[in-house]
Amino acid sequence: MRVLYAIDEWIKDMRSDWRFAFEVAMGGFIKTPYAPDDPRQRADAVR
């Protein structure tokens, strides 16, 4: 968090026209059960 706040402060001071944003992949905090026999979960499934 300290790094994020430092970047935010630097942007405010040095580049006020810039915007700072980040995103977290949903898989980082949402887990789903994996069923290898379920064809909907196969990587090569046609959607």
PDB file of N, CA and C in Angstrom:
ATOM      1  N   MET A   1       0.820  -1.186   0.000  1.00  0.00           N
ATOM      2  CA  MET A   1       0.000   0.000   0.000  1.00  0.00           C
ATOM      3  C   MET A   1       0.871   1.260   0.000  1.00  0.00           C
ATOM      4  N   ARG A   2       2.008   1.183   0.675  1.00  0.00           N
ATOM      5  CA  ARG A   2       2.883   2.365   0.706  1.00  0.00           C
ATOM      6  C   ARG A   2       3.329   2.763  -0.696  1.00  0.00           C
ATOM      7  N   VAL A   3       3.615   1.762  -1.531  1.00  0.00           N
ATOM      8  CA  VAL A   3       4.043   2.047  -2.903  1.00  0.00           C
ATOM      9  C   VAL A   3       2.904   2.712  -3.683  1.00  0.00           C
ATOM     10  N   LEU A   4       1.695   2.200  -3.528  1.00  0.00           N
ATOM     11  CA  LEU A   4       0.564   2.788  -4.238  1.00  0.00           C
ATOM     12  C   LEU A   4       0.334   4.233  -3.817  1.00  0.00           C
ATOM     13  N   TYR A   5       0.418   4.498  -2.509  1.00  0.00           N
ATOM     14  CA  TYR A   5       0.246   5.864  -2.025  1.00  0.00           C
ATOM     15  C   TYR A   5       1.377   6.775  -2.509  1.00  0.00           C
ATOM     16  N   ALA A   6       2.580   6.246  -2.558  1.00  0.00           N
ATOM     17  CA  ALA A   6       3.712   7.039  -3.039  1.00  0.00           C
ATOM     18  C   ALA A   6       3.529   7.399  -4.515  1.00  0.00           C
ATOM     19  N   ILE A   7       3.090   6.438  -5.309  1.00  0.00           N
ATOM     20  CA  ILE A   7       2.835   6.716  -6.721  1.00  0.00           C
ATOM     21  C   ILE A   7       1.727   7.754  -6.863  1.00  0.00           C
ATOM     22  N   ASP A   8       0.668   7.594  -6.091  1.00  0.00           N
ATOM     23  CA  ASP A   8      -0.443   8.540  -6.139  1.00  0.00           C
ATOM     24  C   ASP A   8       0.015   9.953  -5.783  1.00  0.00           C
ATOM     25  N   GLU A   9       0.833  10.086  -4.757  1.00  0.00           N
ATOM     26  CA  GLU A   9       1.341  11.408  -4.361  1.00  0.00           C
ATOM     27  C   GLU A   9       2.254  11.993  -5.439  1.00  0.00           C
ATOM     28  N   TRP A  10       3.105  11.154  -6.024  1.00  0.00           N
ATOM     29  CA  TRP A  10       3.998  11.634  -7.080  1.00  0.00           C
ATOM     30  C   TRP A  10       3.183  12.173  -8.260  1.00  0.00           C
ATOM     31  N   ILE A  11       2.141  11.429  -8.625  1.00  0.00           N
ATOM     32  CA  ILE A  11       1.295  11.869  -9.739  1.00  0.00           C
ATOM     33  C   ILE A  11       0.627  13.199  -9.412  1.00  0.00           C
ATOM     34  N   LYS A  12       0.112  13.341  -8.199  1.00  0.00           N
ATOM     35  CA  LYS A  12      -0.527  14.600  -7.803  1.00  0.00           C
ATOM     36  C   LYS A  12       0.450  15.767  -7.894  1.00  0.00           C
ATOM     37  N   ASP A  13       1.688  15.529  -7.486  1.00  0.00           N
ATOM     38  CA  ASP A  13       2.692  16.591  -7.456  1.00  0.00           C
ATOM     39  C   ASP A  13       3.319  16.873  -8.825  1.00  0.00           C
ATOM     40  N   MET A  14       3.594  15.841  -9.578  1.00  0.00           N
ATOM     41  CA  MET A  14       4.386  15.986 -10.797  1.00  0.00           C
ATOM     42  C   MET A  14       3.582  15.930 -12.094  1.00  0.00           C
ATOM     43  N   ARG A  15       2.534  15.186 -12.105  1.00  0.00           N
ATOM     44  CA  ARG A  15       1.759  14.966 -13.338  1.00  0.00           C
ATOM     45  C   ARG A  15       0.264  15.033 -13.027  1.00  0.00           C
ATOM     46  N   SER A  16      -0.212  16.175 -12.653  1.00  0.00           N
ATOM     47  CA  SER A  16      -1.603  16.286 -12.205  1.00  0.00           C
ATOM     48  C   SER A  16      -2.618  15.926 -13.290  1.00  0.00           C
ATOM     49  N   ASP A  17      -2.184  15.901 -14.556  1.00  0.00           N
ATOM     50  CA  ASP A  17      -3.094  15.515 -15.625  1.00  0.00           C
ATOM     51  C   ASP A  17      -3.155  13.999 -15.837  1.00  0.00           C
ATOM     52  N   TRP A  18      -2.301  13.239 -15.161  1.00  0.00           N
ATOM     53  CA  TRP A  18      -2.306  11.782 -15.251  1.00  0.00           C
ATOM     54  C   TRP A  18      -3.351  11.200 -14.313  1.00  0.00           C
ATOM     55  N   ARG A  19      -3.787   9.979 -14.609  1.00  0.00           N
ATOM     56  CA  ARG A  19      -4.680   9.228 -13.723  1.00  0.00           C
ATOM     57  C   ARG A  19      -4.034   7.881 -13.455  1.00  0.00           C
ATOM     58  N   PHE A  20      -4.225   7.380 -12.259  1.00  0.00           N
ATOM     59  CA  PHE A  20      -3.610   6.134 -11.823  1.00  0.00           C
ATOM     60  C   PHE A  20      -4.720   5.161 -11.444  1.00  0.00           C
ATOM     61  N   ALA A  21      -4.684   3.968 -12.014  1.00  0.00           N
ATOM     62  CA  ALA A  21      -5.687   2.955 -11.712  1.00  0.00           C
ATOM     63  C   ALA A  21      -5.036   1.577 -11.808  1.00  0.00           C
ATOM     64  N   PHE A  22      -5.628   0.631 -11.148  1.00  0.00           N
ATOM     65  CA  PHE A  22      -5.144  -0.741 -11.231  1.00  0.00           C
ATOM     66  C   PHE A  22      -6.343  -1.663 -11.125  1.00  0.00           C
ATOM     67  N   GLU A  23      -6.140  -2.903 -11.512  1.00  0.00           N
ATOM     68  CA  GLU A  23      -7.211  -3.875 -11.417  1.00  0.00           C
ATOM     69  C   GLU A  23      -6.652  -5.199 -10.927  1.00  0.00           C
ATOM     70  N   VAL A  24      -7.519  -5.975 -10.335  1.00  0.00           N
ATOM     71  CA  VAL A  24      -7.149  -7.281  -9.811  1.00  0.00           C
ATOM     72  C   VAL A  24      -7.955  -8.317 -10.575  1.00  0.00           C
ATOM     73  N   ALA A  25      -7.305  -9.364 -11.005  1.00  0.00           N
ATOM     74  CA  ALA A  25      -8.010 -10.436 -11.694  1.00  0.00           C
ATOM     75  C   ALA A  25      -9.016 -11.072 -10.739  1.00  0.00           C
ATOM     76  N   MET A  26     -10.213 -11.315 -11.230  1.00  0.00           N
ATOM     77  CA  MET A  26     -11.260 -11.905 -10.383  1.00  0.00           C
ATOM     78  C   MET A  26     -10.814 -13.248  -9.814  1.00  0.00           C
ATOM     79  N   GLY A  27     -10.011 -13.992 -10.554  1.00  0.00           N
ATOM     80  CA  GLY A  27      -9.536 -15.281 -10.076  1.00  0.00           C
ATOM     81  C   GLY A  27      -8.642 -15.160  -8.864  1.00  0.00           C
ATOM     82  N   GLY A  28      -8.183 -13.938  -8.574  1.00  0.00           N
ATOM     83  CA  GLY A  28      -7.349 -13.730  -7.400  1.00  0.00           C
ATOM     84  C   GLY A  28      -8.109 -13.864  -6.099  1.00  0.00           C
ATOM     85  N   PHE A  29      -9.432 -13.725  -6.146  1.00  0.00           N
ATOM     86  CA  PHE A  29     -10.183 -13.833  -4.896  1.00  0.00           C
ATOM     87  C   PHE A  29     -11.499 -14.595  -5.025  1.00  0.00           C
ATOM     88  N   ILE A  30     -11.847 -15.044  -6.219  1.00  0.00           N
ATOM     89  CA  ILE A  30     -13.047 -15.867  -6.394  1.00  0.00           C
ATOM     90  C   ILE A  30     -12.597 -17.242  -6.861  1.00  0.00           C
ATOM     91  N   LYS A  31     -12.957 -18.240  -6.132  1.00  0.00           N
ATOM     92  CA  LYS A  31     -12.615 -19.613  -6.488  1.00  0.00           C
ATOM     93  C   LYS A  31     -13.875 -20.365  -6.893  1.00  0.00           C
ATOM     94  N   THR A  32     -13.750 -21.195  -7.911  1.00  0.00           N
ATOM     95  CA  THR A  32     -14.849 -22.036  -8.352  1.00  0.00           C
ATOM     96  C   THR A  32     -14.389 -23.480  -8.317  1.00  0.00           C
ATOM     97  N   PRO A  33     -15.294 -24.382  -8.071  1.00  0.00           N
ATOM     98  CA  PRO A  33     -14.900 -25.794  -8.063  1.00  0.00           C
ATOM     99  C   PRO A  33     -14.528 -26.243  -9.472  1.00  0.00           C
ATOM    100  N   TYR A  34     -13.563 -27.105  -9.556  1.00  0.00           N
ATOM    101  CA  TYR A  34     -13.129 -27.626 -10.849  1.00  0.00           C
ATOM    102  C   TYR A  34     -13.578 -29.073 -10.965  1.00  0.00           C
ATOM    103  N   ALA A  35     -14.316 -29.368 -12.026  1.00  0.00           N
ATOM    104  CA  ALA A  35     -14.766 -30.728 -12.306  1.00  0.00           C
ATOM    105  C   ALA A  35     -14.199 -31.121 -13.667  1.00  0.00           C
ATOM    106  N   PRO A  36     -13.122 -31.892 -13.690  1.00  0.00           N
ATOM    107  CA  PRO A  36     -12.466 -32.219 -14.963  1.00  0.00           C
ATOM    108  C   PRO A  36     -13.372 -32.935 -15.963  1.00  0.00           C
ATOM    109  N   ASP A  37     -14.424 -33.594 -15.489  1.00  0.00           N
ATOM    110  CA  ASP A  37     -15.330 -34.297 -16.398  1.00  0.00           C
ATOM    111  C   ASP A  37     -16.420 -33.390 -16.967  1.00  0.00           C
ATOM    112  N   ASP A  38     -16.531 -32.172 -16.496  1.00  0.00           N
ATOM    113  CA  ASP A  38     -17.553 -31.230 -16.964  1.00  0.00           C
ATOM    114  C   ASP A  38     -17.068 -30.576 -18.256  1.00  0.00           C
ATOM    115  N   PRO A  39     -17.718 -30.826 -19.387  1.00  0.00           N
ATOM    116  CA  PRO A  39     -17.246 -30.276 -20.666  1.00  0.00           C
ATOM    117  C   PRO A  39     -17.281 -28.746 -20.709  1.00  0.00           C
ATOM    118  N   ARG A  40     -18.103 -28.110 -19.878  1.00  0.00           N
ATOM    119  CA  ARG A  40     -18.165 -26.650 -19.861  1.00  0.00           C
ATOM    120  C   ARG A  40     -16.890 -26.045 -19.289  1.00  0.00           C
ATOM    121  N   GLN A  41     -16.092 -26.828 -18.565  1.00  0.00           N
ATOM    122  CA  GLN A  41     -14.884 -26.316 -17.935  1.00  0.00           C
ATOM    123  C   GLN A  41     -13.616 -26.655 -18.722  1.00  0.00           C
ATOM    124  N   ARG A  42     -13.767 -27.310 -19.850  1.00  0.00           N
ATOM    125  CA  ARG A  42     -12.588 -27.653 -20.652  1.00  0.00           C
ATOM    126  C   ARG A  42     -12.111 -26.441 -21.411  1.00  0.00           C
ATOM    127  N   ALA A  43     -10.809 -26.285 -21.513  1.00  0.00           N
ATOM    128  CA  ALA A  43     -10.215 -25.143 -22.209  1.00  0.00           C
ATOM    129  C   ALA A  43     -10.563 -25.121 -23.697  1.00  0.00           C
ATOM    130  N   ASP A  44     -10.785 -26.294 -24.280  1.00  0.00           N
ATOM    131  CA  ASP A  44     -11.068 -26.346 -25.716  1.00  0.00           C
ATOM    132  C   ASP A  44     -12.570 -26.389 -26.009  1.00  0.00           C
ATOM    133  N   ALA A  45     -13.397 -26.146 -25.021  1.00  0.00           N
ATOM    134  CA  ALA A  45     -14.855 -26.154 -25.213  1.00  0.00           C
ATOM    135  C   ALA A  45     -15.267 -25.019 -26.138  1.00  0.00           C
ATOM    136  N   VAL A  46     -16.180 -25.311 -27.014  1.00  0.00           N
ATOM    137  CA  VAL A  46     -16.714 -24.310 -27.940  1.00  0.00           C
ATOM    138  C   VAL A  46     -17.812 -23.547 -27.214  1.00  0.00           C
ATOM    139  N   ARG A  47     -17.747 -22.230 -27.285  1.00  0.00           N
ATOM    140  CA  ARG A  47     -18.749 -21.416 -26.588  1.00  0.00           C
ATOM    141  C   ARG A  47     -19.636 -20.728 -27.572  1.00  0.00           C
TER     142      ARG A  47
END
